[in-house]
Each structure stands twice: as C-alpha cells, then as structure tokens.
C-alpha cells in the first residue's frame, strides 16, 4: 500500500474533493494488469494507466476522474505505479555469501 498526497485538492465525480489516494496492495497482483501490456504500464502510457488506476486506487477513481485530473497529480500516481513495478534491489554480494 502506498499513499499519494496531492499538492492541491482534486475534484472527483459527485463533487467530492480529495487530497490523497492510496494505491492498494491489489497493485501487487498480476491480475491488476489483465488486458494491459506491462511495458506500457511501466513506461507511463497514459491510456494504460487510465485503465489500471481505477482497479488499484482507494477511493476508487473512475477513468473519467483520472482523465480529468491535473497533470501533476496524474504524474504522481504514474510515478507510484512505476515504483510498484520496479524490481527489488539484488542482494549485495556479501549478503548473498553470508546466507
């Protein structure tokens, strides 16, 4: 789970304003990427992220919410998705030898 705090409030459907969004642990499941190309999501393809983010956000954002949000807020969400997809750092050689 990861919380993204926006620099300014974002208005979503229903007239609500939000200041943060949680990327849920659903993002850790391969099923969240169903129908998407991993490379496109990892490289920040806008259409792929607009499809993915409603599956993994809390409050649950709609595609329309995401498409109409300010670019800086969208970029924050895209960056967090990229962080989720980044491989874990390999063990240091000395750590591997100790185990």
PDB file of N, CA and C in Angstrom:
ATOM      1  N   UNK A   1       0.834  -1.176   0.000  1.00  0.00           N
ATOM      2  CA  UNK A   1       0.000   0.000   0.000  1.00  0.00           C
ATOM      3  C   UNK A   1       0.878   1.239   0.000  1.00  0.00           C
ATOM      4  N   UNK A   2       0.444   2.239  -0.713  1.00  0.00           N
ATOM      5  CA  UNK A   2       1.203   3.478  -0.789  1.00  0.00           C
ATOM      6  C   UNK A   2       0.233   4.645  -0.908  1.00  0.00           C
ATOM      7  N   UNK A   3       0.490   5.699  -0.154  1.00  0.00           N
ATOM      8  CA  UNK A   3      -0.380   6.872  -0.177  1.00  0.00           C
ATOM      9  C   UNK A   3       0.275   7.971  -0.993  1.00  0.00           C
ATOM     10  N   UNK A   4      -0.482   8.502  -1.942  1.00  0.00           N
ATOM     11  CA  UNK A   4      -0.027   9.617  -2.771  1.00  0.00           C
ATOM     12  C   UNK A   4      -0.781  10.854  -2.302  1.00  0.00           C
ATOM     13  N   UNK A   5      -0.048  11.845  -1.815  1.00  0.00           N
ATOM     14  CA  UNK A   5      -0.652  13.102  -1.351  1.00  0.00           C
ATOM     15  C   UNK A   5      -0.489  14.145  -2.447  1.00  0.00           C
ATOM     16  N   UNK A   6      -1.605  14.687  -2.890  1.00  0.00           N
ATOM     17  CA  UNK A   6      -1.592  15.676  -3.960  1.00  0.00           C
ATOM     18  C   UNK A   6      -1.204  17.055  -3.434  1.00  0.00           C
ATOM     19  N   UNK A   7      -0.618  17.865  -4.298  1.00  0.00           N
ATOM     20  CA  UNK A   7      -0.233  19.228  -3.935  1.00  0.00           C
ATOM     21  C   UNK A   7      -1.446  20.139  -3.794  1.00  0.00           C
ATOM     22  N   UNK A   8      -2.521  19.807  -4.474  1.00  0.00           N
ATOM     23  CA  UNK A   8      -3.760  20.582  -4.384  1.00  0.00           C
ATOM     24  C   UNK A   8      -4.932  19.607  -4.484  1.00  0.00           C
ATOM     25  N   UNK A   9      -6.091  19.969  -3.924  1.00  0.00           N
ATOM     26  CA  UNK A   9      -7.246  19.071  -3.968  1.00  0.00           C
ATOM     27  C   UNK A   9      -7.669  18.748  -5.404  1.00  0.00           C
ATOM     28  N   UNK A  10      -8.157  17.535  -5.583  1.00  0.00           N
ATOM     29  CA  UNK A  10      -8.635  17.066  -6.888  1.00  0.00           C
ATOM     30  C   UNK A  10     -10.123  16.771  -6.752  1.00  0.00           C
ATOM     31  N   UNK A  11     -10.910  17.301  -7.665  1.00  0.00           N
ATOM     32  CA  UNK A  11     -12.349  17.053  -7.640  1.00  0.00           C
ATOM     33  C   UNK A  11     -12.646  15.787  -8.427  1.00  0.00           C
ATOM     34  N   UNK A  12     -13.439  14.901  -7.802  1.00  0.00           N
ATOM     35  CA  UNK A  12     -13.828  13.660  -8.463  1.00  0.00           C
ATOM     36  C   UNK A  12     -15.340  13.666  -8.649  1.00  0.00           C
ATOM     37  N   UNK A  13     -15.843  12.634  -9.323  1.00  0.00           N
ATOM     38  CA  UNK A  13     -17.281  12.552  -9.590  1.00  0.00           C
ATOM     39  C   UNK A  13     -18.061  12.674  -8.290  1.00  0.00           C
ATOM     40  N   UNK A  14     -19.197  13.302  -8.386  1.00  0.00           N
ATOM     41  CA  UNK A  14     -20.014  13.522  -7.204  1.00  0.00           C
ATOM     42  C   UNK A  14     -19.648  14.815  -6.492  1.00  0.00           C
ATOM     43  N   UNK A  15     -18.676  15.548  -7.042  1.00  0.00           N
ATOM     44  CA  UNK A  15     -18.292  16.822  -6.470  1.00  0.00           C
ATOM     45  C   UNK A  15     -17.369  16.753  -5.270  1.00  0.00           C
ATOM     46  N   UNK A  16     -16.969  15.551  -4.888  1.00  0.00           N
ATOM     47  CA  UNK A  16     -16.055  15.414  -3.746  1.00  0.00           C
ATOM     48  C   UNK A  16     -14.670  15.885  -4.123  1.00  0.00           C
ATOM     49  N   UNK A  17     -13.961  16.427  -3.144  1.00  0.00           N
ATOM     50  CA  UNK A  17     -12.562  16.794  -3.336  1.00  0.00           C
ATOM     51  C   UNK A  17     -11.709  15.856  -2.502  1.00  0.00           C
ATOM     52  N   UNK A  18     -10.633  15.389  -3.092  1.00  0.00           N
ATOM     53  CA  UNK A  18      -9.708  14.517  -2.374  1.00  0.00           C
ATOM     54  C   UNK A  18      -8.319  15.144  -2.398  1.00  0.00           C
ATOM     55  N   UNK A  19      -7.556  14.842  -1.372  1.00  0.00           N
ATOM     56  CA  UNK A  19      -6.185  15.363  -1.294  1.00  0.00           C
ATOM     57  C   UNK A  19      -5.163  14.242  -1.325  1.00  0.00           C
ATOM     58  N   UNK A  20      -5.647  12.996  -1.249  1.00  0.00           N
ATOM     59  CA  UNK A  20      -4.735  11.853  -1.322  1.00  0.00           C
ATOM     60  C   UNK A  20      -5.459  10.637  -1.869  1.00  0.00           C
ATOM     61  N   UNK A  21      -4.665   9.739  -2.421  1.00  0.00           N
ATOM     62  CA  UNK A  21      -5.170   8.477  -2.965  1.00  0.00           C
ATOM     63  C   UNK A  21      -4.229   7.377  -2.500  1.00  0.00           C
ATOM     64  N   UNK A  22      -4.794   6.249  -2.129  1.00  0.00           N
ATOM     65  CA  UNK A  22      -3.994   5.088  -1.766  1.00  0.00           C
ATOM     66  C   UNK A  22      -3.919   4.145  -2.956  1.00  0.00           C
ATOM     67  N   UNK A  23      -2.700   3.760  -3.311  1.00  0.00           N
ATOM     68  CA  UNK A  23      -2.510   2.679  -4.284  1.00  0.00           C
ATOM     69  C   UNK A  23      -2.535   1.410  -3.439  1.00  0.00           C
ATOM     70  N   UNK A  24      -3.551   0.595  -3.623  1.00  0.00           N
ATOM     71  CA  UNK A  24      -3.766  -0.558  -2.752  1.00  0.00           C
ATOM     72  C   UNK A  24      -2.839  -1.723  -3.104  1.00  0.00           C
ATOM     73  N   UNK A  25      -2.819  -2.707  -2.222  1.00  0.00           N
ATOM     74  CA  UNK A  25      -1.991  -3.891  -2.457  1.00  0.00           C
ATOM     75  C   UNK A  25      -2.470  -4.708  -3.649  1.00  0.00           C
ATOM     76  N   UNK A  26      -3.644  -4.408  -4.177  1.00  0.00           N
ATOM     77  CA  UNK A  26      -4.107  -5.053  -5.408  1.00  0.00           C
ATOM     78  C   UNK A  26      -3.088  -4.841  -6.517  1.00  0.00           C
ATOM     79  N   UNK A  27      -2.346  -3.738  -6.441  1.00  0.00           N
ATOM     80  CA  UNK A  27      -1.319  -3.429  -7.445  1.00  0.00           C
ATOM     81  C   UNK A  27      -0.236  -4.500  -7.472  1.00  0.00           C
ATOM     82  N   UNK A  28      -0.069  -5.225  -6.387  1.00  0.00           N
ATOM     83  CA  UNK A  28       0.958  -6.276  -6.313  1.00  0.00           C
ATOM     84  C   UNK A  28       0.522  -7.575  -6.999  1.00  0.00           C
ATOM     85  N   UNK A  29      -0.724  -7.629  -7.445  1.00  0.00           N
ATOM     86  CA  UNK A  29      -1.250  -8.845  -8.061  1.00  0.00           C
ATOM     87  C   UNK A  29      -1.222  -8.719  -9.584  1.00  0.00           C
ATOM     88  N   UNK A  30      -0.757  -9.752 -10.237  1.00  0.00           N
ATOM     89  CA  UNK A  30      -0.669  -9.737 -11.698  1.00  0.00           C
ATOM     90  C   UNK A  30      -2.031  -9.492 -12.341  1.00  0.00           C
ATOM     91  N   UNK A  31      -3.095  -9.930 -11.693  1.00  0.00           N
ATOM     92  CA  UNK A  31      -4.436  -9.748 -12.237  1.00  0.00           C
ATOM     93  C   UNK A  31      -4.822  -8.292 -12.434  1.00  0.00           C
ATOM     94  N   UNK A  32      -4.204  -7.389 -11.682  1.00  0.00           N
ATOM     95  CA  UNK A  32      -4.491  -5.958 -11.837  1.00  0.00           C
ATOM     96  C   UNK A  32      -4.085  -5.473 -13.226  1.00  0.00           C
ATOM     97  N   UNK A  33      -3.154  -6.183 -13.844  1.00  0.00           N
ATOM     98  CA  UNK A  33      -2.644  -5.792 -15.163  1.00  0.00           C
ATOM     99  C   UNK A  33      -3.368  -6.497 -16.317  1.00  0.00           C
ATOM    100  N   UNK A  34      -4.398  -7.264 -15.985  1.00  0.00           N
ATOM    101  CA  UNK A  34      -5.126  -8.029 -17.005  1.00  0.00           C
ATOM    102  C   UNK A  34      -5.553  -7.130 -18.160  1.00  0.00           C
ATOM    103  N   UNK A  35      -5.229  -7.552 -19.369  1.00  0.00           N
ATOM    104  CA  UNK A  35      -5.604  -6.812 -20.564  1.00  0.00           C
ATOM    105  C   UNK A  35      -4.671  -5.658 -20.904  1.00  0.00           C
ATOM    106  N   UNK A  36      -3.640  -5.479 -20.102  1.00  0.00           N
ATOM    107  CA  UNK A  36      -2.685  -4.390 -20.332  1.00  0.00           C
ATOM    108  C   UNK A  36      -1.322  -4.966 -20.672  1.00  0.00           C
ATOM    109  N   UNK A  37      -0.507  -4.175 -21.307  1.00  0.00           N
ATOM    110  CA  UNK A  37       0.867  -4.581 -21.599  1.00  0.00           C
ATOM    111  C   UNK A  37       1.760  -4.020 -20.504  1.00  0.00           C
ATOM    112  N   UNK A  38       2.496  -4.894 -19.836  1.00  0.00           N
ATOM    113  CA  UNK A  38       3.343  -4.495 -18.720  1.00  0.00           C
ATOM    114  C   UNK A  38       4.288  -3.369 -19.110  1.00  0.00           C
ATOM    115  N   UNK A  39       4.890  -3.463 -20.279  1.00  0.00           N
ATOM    116  CA  UNK A  39       5.832  -2.436 -20.720  1.00  0.00           C
ATOM    117  C   UNK A  39       5.148  -1.068 -20.802  1.00  0.00           C
ATOM    118  N   UNK A  40       3.927  -1.039 -21.330  1.00  0.00           N
ATOM    119  CA  UNK A  40       3.216   0.232 -21.469  1.00  0.00           C
ATOM    120  C   UNK A  40       2.876   0.833 -20.109  1.00  0.00           C
ATOM    121  N   UNK A  41       2.468  -0.005 -19.172  1.00  0.00           N
ATOM    122  CA  UNK A  41       2.188   0.493 -17.821  1.00  0.00           C
ATOM    123  C   UNK A  41       3.473   1.016 -17.188  1.00  0.00           C
ATOM    124  N   UNK A  42       4.542   0.234 -17.288  1.00  0.00           N
ATOM    125  CA  UNK A  42       5.816   0.607 -16.657  1.00  0.00           C
ATOM    126  C   UNK A  42       6.415   1.874 -17.245  1.00  0.00           C
ATOM    127  N   UNK A  43       6.128   2.153 -18.512  1.00  0.00           N
ATOM    128  CA  UNK A  43       6.695   3.345 -19.141  1.00  0.00           C
ATOM    129  C   UNK A  43       5.734   4.535 -19.096  1.00  0.00           C
ATOM    130  N   UNK A  44       4.642   4.383 -18.360  1.00  0.00           N
ATOM    131  CA  UNK A  44       3.744   5.506 -18.135  1.00  0.00           C
ATOM    132  C   UNK A  44       2.780   5.813 -19.260  1.00  0.00           C
ATOM    133  N   UNK A  45       2.441   4.818 -20.069  1.00  0.00           N
ATOM    134  CA  UNK A  45       1.461   5.034 -21.133  1.00  0.00           C
ATOM    135  C   UNK A  45       0.153   5.524 -20.507  1.00  0.00           C
ATOM    136  N   UNK A  46      -0.295   6.682 -20.927  1.00  0.00           N
ATOM    137  CA  UNK A  46      -1.455   7.329 -20.310  1.00  0.00           C
ATOM    138  C   UNK A  46      -2.702   6.454 -20.399  1.00  0.00           C
ATOM    139  N   UNK A  47      -3.005   5.903 -21.563  1.00  0.00           N
ATOM    140  CA  UNK A  47      -4.206   5.076 -21.709  1.00  0.00           C
ATOM    141  C   UNK A  47      -4.156   3.850 -20.805  1.00  0.00           C
ATOM    142  N   UNK A  48      -2.994   3.226 -20.692  1.00  0.00           N
ATOM    143  CA  UNK A  48      -2.852   2.055 -19.825  1.00  0.00           C
ATOM    144  C   UNK A  48      -3.071   2.430 -18.363  1.00  0.00           C
ATOM    145  N   UNK A  49      -2.522   3.564 -17.952  1.00  0.00           N
ATOM    146  CA  UNK A  49      -2.689   3.995 -16.562  1.00  0.00           C
ATOM    147  C   UNK A  49      -4.130   4.394 -16.267  1.00  0.00           C
ATOM    148  N   UNK A  50      -4.805   4.998 -17.240  1.00  0.00           N
ATOM    149  CA  UNK A  50      -6.212   5.349 -17.047  1.00  0.00           C
ATOM    150  C   UNK A  50      -7.054   4.085 -16.872  1.00  0.00           C
ATOM    151  N   UNK A  51      -6.663   2.988 -17.493  1.00  0.00           N
ATOM    152  CA  UNK A  51      -7.351   1.706 -17.321  1.00  0.00           C
ATOM    153  C   UNK A  51      -6.980   1.052 -15.996  1.00  0.00           C
ATOM    154  N   UNK A  52      -5.703   1.102 -15.631  1.00  0.00           N
ATOM    155  CA  UNK A  52      -5.213   0.419 -14.432  1.00  0.00           C
ATOM    156  C   UNK A  52      -5.640   1.093 -13.132  1.00  0.00           C
ATOM    157  N   UNK A  53      -5.503   2.392 -13.043  1.00  0.00           N
ATOM    158  CA  UNK A  53      -5.689   3.079 -11.760  1.00  0.00           C
ATOM    159  C   UNK A  53      -7.055   2.858 -11.108  1.00  0.00           C
ATOM    160  N   UNK A  54      -8.167   2.796 -11.846  1.00  0.00           N
ATOM    161  CA  UNK A  54      -9.439   2.508 -11.169  1.00  0.00           C
ATOM    162  C   UNK A  54      -9.453   1.141 -10.466  1.00  0.00           C
ATOM    163  N   UNK A  55      -8.617   0.234 -10.882  1.00  0.00           N
ATOM    164  CA  UNK A  55      -8.552  -1.103 -10.283  1.00  0.00           C
ATOM    165  C   UNK A  55      -7.788  -1.120  -8.963  1.00  0.00           C
ATOM    166  N   UNK A  56      -6.942  -0.120  -8.755  1.00  0.00           N
ATOM    167  CA  UNK A  56      -5.989  -0.211  -7.636  1.00  0.00           C
ATOM    168  C   UNK A  56      -5.992   1.007  -6.715  1.00  0.00           C
ATOM    169  N   UNK A  57      -6.985   1.887  -6.832  1.00  0.00           N
ATOM    170  CA  UNK A  57      -6.985   3.094  -6.010  1.00  0.00           C
ATOM    171  C   UNK A  57      -8.094   3.084  -4.972  1.00  0.00           C
ATOM    172  N   UNK A  58      -7.828   3.784  -3.882  1.00  0.00           N
ATOM    173  CA  UNK A  58      -8.811   3.993  -2.821  1.00  0.00           C
ATOM    174  C   UNK A  58      -8.693   5.439  -2.387  1.00  0.00           C
ATOM    175  N   UNK A  59      -9.693   6.290  -2.490  1.00  0.00           N
ATOM    176  CA  UNK A  59     -11.003   5.947  -3.014  1.00  0.00           C
ATOM    177  C   UNK A  59     -10.898   5.505  -4.472  1.00  0.00           C
ATOM    178  N   UNK A  60     -11.834   4.679  -4.865  1.00  0.00           N
ATOM    179  CA  UNK A  60     -11.801   4.135  -6.224  1.00  0.00           C
ATOM    180  C   UNK A  60     -12.092   5.248  -7.222  1.00  0.00           C
ATOM    181  N   UNK A  61     -11.078   5.595  -7.983  1.00  0.00           N
ATOM    182  CA  UNK A  61     -11.226   6.628  -9.005  1.00  0.00           C
ATOM    183  C   UNK A  61     -11.795   6.012 -10.273  1.00  0.00           C
ATOM    184  N   UNK A  62     -12.568   6.781 -10.995  1.00  0.00           N
ATOM    185  CA  UNK A  62     -13.081   6.316 -12.283  1.00  0.00           C
ATOM    186  C   UNK A  62     -12.112   6.745 -13.382  1.00  0.00           C
ATOM    187  N   UNK A  63     -12.275   6.162 -14.554  1.00  0.00           N
ATOM    188  CA  UNK A  63     -11.451   6.583 -15.687  1.00  0.00           C
ATOM    189  C   UNK A  63     -11.650   8.070 -15.959  1.00  0.00           C
ATOM    190  N   UNK A  64     -12.877   8.553 -15.813  1.00  0.00           N
ATOM    191  CA  UNK A  64     -13.154   9.971 -16.034  1.00  0.00           C
ATOM    192  C   UNK A  64     -12.444  10.835 -14.986  1.00  0.00           C
ATOM    193  N   UNK A  65     -12.436  10.391 -13.717  1.00  0.00           N
ATOM    194  CA  UNK A  65     -11.718  11.127 -12.667  1.00  0.00           C
ATOM    195  C   UNK A  65     -10.249  11.283 -13.038  1.00  0.00           C
ATOM    196  N   UNK A  66      -9.666  10.191 -13.489  1.00  0.00           N
ATOM    197  CA  UNK A  66      -8.233  10.189 -13.797  1.00  0.00           C
ATOM    198  C   UNK A  66      -7.946  11.039 -15.031  1.00  0.00           C
ATOM    199  N   UNK A  67      -8.773  10.896 -16.052  1.00  0.00           N
ATOM    200  CA  UNK A  67      -8.549  11.642 -17.292  1.00  0.00           C
ATOM    201  C   UNK A  67      -8.688  13.150 -17.093  1.00  0.00           C
ATOM    202  N   UNK A  68      -9.478  13.564 -16.114  1.00  0.00           N
ATOM    203  CA  UNK A  68      -9.705  14.997 -15.923  1.00  0.00           C
ATOM    204  C   UNK A  68      -8.866  15.609 -14.803  1.00  0.00           C
ATOM    205  N   UNK A  69      -8.044  14.802 -14.129  1.00  0.00           N
ATOM    206  CA  UNK A  69      -7.251  15.373 -13.033  1.00  0.00           C
ATOM    207  C   UNK A  69      -6.065  16.170 -13.566  1.00  0.00           C
ATOM    208  N   UNK A  70      -5.576  17.107 -12.767  1.00  0.00           N
ATOM    209  CA  UNK A  70      -4.406  17.887 -13.192  1.00  0.00           C
ATOM    210  C   UNK A  70      -3.211  16.974 -13.487  1.00  0.00           C
ATOM    211  N   UNK A  71      -2.419  17.367 -14.460  1.00  0.00           N
ATOM    212  CA  UNK A  71      -1.306  16.532 -14.911  1.00  0.00           C
ATOM    213  C   UNK A  71      -0.310  16.250 -13.791  1.00  0.00           C
ATOM    214  N   UNK A  72      -0.080  17.203 -12.882  1.00  0.00           N
ATOM    215  CA  UNK A  72       0.884  16.951 -11.810  1.00  0.00           C
ATOM    216  C   UNK A  72       0.388  15.858 -10.874  1.00  0.00           C
ATOM    217  N   UNK A  73      -0.915  15.806 -10.624  1.00  0.00           N
ATOM    218  CA  UNK A  73      -1.475  14.751  -9.776  1.00  0.00           C
ATOM    219  C   UNK A  73      -1.416  13.401 -10.496  1.00  0.00           C
ATOM    220  N   UNK A  74      -1.747  13.411 -11.782  1.00  0.00           N
ATOM    221  CA  UNK A  74      -1.652  12.181 -12.575  1.00  0.00           C
ATOM    222  C   UNK A  74      -0.215  11.670 -12.585  1.00  0.00           C
ATOM    223  N   UNK A  75       0.739  12.570 -12.731  1.00  0.00           N
ATOM    224  CA  UNK A  75       2.153  12.182 -12.758  1.00  0.00           C
ATOM    225  C   UNK A  75       2.579  11.573 -11.430  1.00  0.00           C
ATOM    226  N   UNK A  76       2.050  12.080 -10.325  1.00  0.00           N
ATOM    227  CA  UNK A  76       2.363  11.494  -9.022  1.00  0.00           C
ATOM    228  C   UNK A  76       1.865  10.048  -8.955  1.00  0.00           C
ATOM    229  N   UNK A  77       0.655   9.809  -9.447  1.00  0.00           N
ATOM    230  CA  UNK A  77       0.115   8.447  -9.453  1.00  0.00           C
ATOM    231  C   UNK A  77       0.931   7.545 -10.376  1.00  0.00           C
ATOM    232  N   UNK A  78       1.284   8.052 -11.554  1.00  0.00           N
ATOM    233  CA  UNK A  78       2.081   7.273 -12.508  1.00  0.00           C
ATOM    234  C   UNK A  78       3.427   6.904 -11.902  1.00  0.00           C
ATOM    235  N   UNK A  79       4.037   7.834 -11.202  1.00  0.00           N
ATOM    236  CA  UNK A  79       5.320   7.574 -10.559  1.00  0.00           C
ATOM    237  C   UNK A  79       5.191   6.480  -9.501  1.00  0.00           C
ATOM    238  N   UNK A  80       4.110   6.496  -8.763  1.00  0.00           N
ATOM    239  CA  UNK A  80       3.914   5.484  -7.724  1.00  0.00           C
ATOM    240  C   UNK A  80       3.689   4.107  -8.337  1.00  0.00           C
ATOM    241  N   UNK A  81       2.970   4.041  -9.452  1.00  0.00           N
ATOM    242  CA  UNK A  81       2.788   2.765 -10.155  1.00  0.00           C
ATOM    243  C   UNK A  81       4.145   2.241 -10.614  1.00  0.00           C
ATOM    244  N   UNK A  82       4.972   3.106 -11.165  1.00  0.00           N
ATOM    245  CA  UNK A  82       6.312   2.698 -11.613  1.00  0.00           C
ATOM    246  C   UNK A  82       7.132   2.164 -10.448  1.00  0.00           C
ATOM    247  N   UNK A  83       6.983   2.772  -9.279  1.00  0.00           N
ATOM    248  CA  UNK A  83       7.698   2.306  -8.089  1.00  0.00           C
ATOM    249  C   UNK A  83       7.259   0.893  -7.722  1.00  0.00           C
ATOM    250  N   UNK A  84       5.957   0.625  -7.800  1.00  0.00           N
ATOM    251  CA  UNK A  84       5.445  -0.718  -7.512  1.00  0.00           C
ATOM    252  C   UNK A  84       6.042  -1.746  -8.467  1.00  0.00           C
ATOM    253  N   UNK A  85       6.235  -1.364  -9.724  1.00  0.00           N
ATOM    254  CA  UNK A  85       6.700  -2.305 -10.742  1.00  0.00           C
ATOM    255  C   UNK A  85       8.212  -2.464 -10.779  1.00  0.00           C
ATOM    256  N   UNK A  86       8.932  -1.579 -10.115  1.00  0.00           N
ATOM    257  CA  UNK A  86      10.397  -1.653 -10.133  1.00  0.00           C
ATOM    258  C   UNK A  86      10.852  -2.920  -9.417  1.00  0.00           C
ATOM    259  N   UNK A  87      11.846  -3.606  -9.972  1.00  0.00           N
ATOM    260  CA  UNK A  87      12.344  -4.815  -9.312  1.00  0.00           C
ATOM    261  C   UNK A  87      13.017  -4.463  -7.995  1.00  0.00           C
ATOM    262  N   UNK A  88      12.960  -5.400  -7.074  1.00  0.00           N
ATOM    263  CA  UNK A  88      13.661  -5.214  -5.810  1.00  0.00           C
ATOM    264  C   UNK A  88      15.151  -5.182  -6.073  1.00  0.00           C
ATOM    265  N   UNK A  89      15.862  -4.464  -5.246  1.00  0.00           N
ATOM    266  CA  UNK A  89      17.319  -4.399  -5.394  1.00  0.00           C
ATOM    267  C   UNK A  89      17.909  -5.779  -5.124  1.00  0.00           C
ATOM    268  N   UNK A  90      18.878  -6.205  -5.926  1.00  0.00           N
ATOM    269  CA  UNK A  90      19.509  -7.502  -5.675  1.00  0.00           C
ATOM    270  C   UNK A  90      20.308  -7.455  -4.381  1.00  0.00           C
ATOM    271  N   UNK A  91      20.481  -8.611  -3.797  1.00  0.00           N
ATOM    272  CA  UNK A  91      21.296  -8.694  -2.588  1.00  0.00           C
ATOM    273  C   UNK A  91      22.723  -8.280  -2.900  1.00  0.00           C
ATOM    274  N   UNK A  92      23.328  -7.609  -1.958  1.00  0.00           N
ATOM    275  CA  UNK A  92      24.751  -7.307  -2.103  1.00  0.00           C
ATOM    276  C   UNK A  92      25.506  -8.631  -2.115  1.00  0.00           C
ATOM    277  N   UNK A  93      26.621  -8.679  -2.789  1.00  0.00           N
ATOM    278  CA  UNK A  93      27.388  -9.916  -2.900  1.00  0.00           C
ATOM    279  C   UNK A  93      27.752 -10.451  -1.526  1.00  0.00           C
ATOM    280  N   UNK A  94      28.117  -9.586  -0.600  1.00  0.00           N
ATOM    281  CA  UNK A  94      28.495 -10.056   0.738  1.00  0.00           C
ATOM    282  C   UNK A  94      27.292 -10.608   1.476  1.00  0.00           C
ATOM    283  N   UNK A  95      26.101 -10.020   1.266  1.00  0.00           N
ATOM    284  CA  UNK A  95      24.898 -10.539   1.898  1.00  0.00           C
ATOM    285  C   UNK A  95      24.582 -11.935   1.377  1.00  0.00           C
ATOM    286  N   UNK A  96      24.728 -12.155   0.090  1.00  0.00           N
ATOM    287  CA  UNK A  96      24.435 -13.451  -0.511  1.00  0.00           C
ATOM    288  C   UNK A  96      25.391 -14.516   0.006  1.00  0.00           C
ATOM    289  N   UNK A  97      26.647 -14.158   0.227  1.00  0.00           N
ATOM    290  CA  UNK A  97      27.622 -15.124   0.709  1.00  0.00           C
ATOM    291  C   UNK A  97      27.353 -15.510   2.154  1.00  0.00           C
ATOM    292  N   UNK A  98      26.826 -14.606   2.960  1.00  0.00           N
ATOM    293  CA  UNK A  98      26.548 -14.890   4.358  1.00  0.00           C
ATOM    294  C   UNK A  98      25.384 -15.842   4.511  1.00  0.00           C
ATOM    295  N   UNK A  99      24.465 -15.841   3.556  1.00  0.00           N
ATOM    296  CA  UNK A  99      23.274 -16.686   3.653  1.00  0.00           C
ATOM    297  C   UNK A  99      23.601 -18.005   3.134  1.00  0.00           C
TER     298      UNK A  99
END
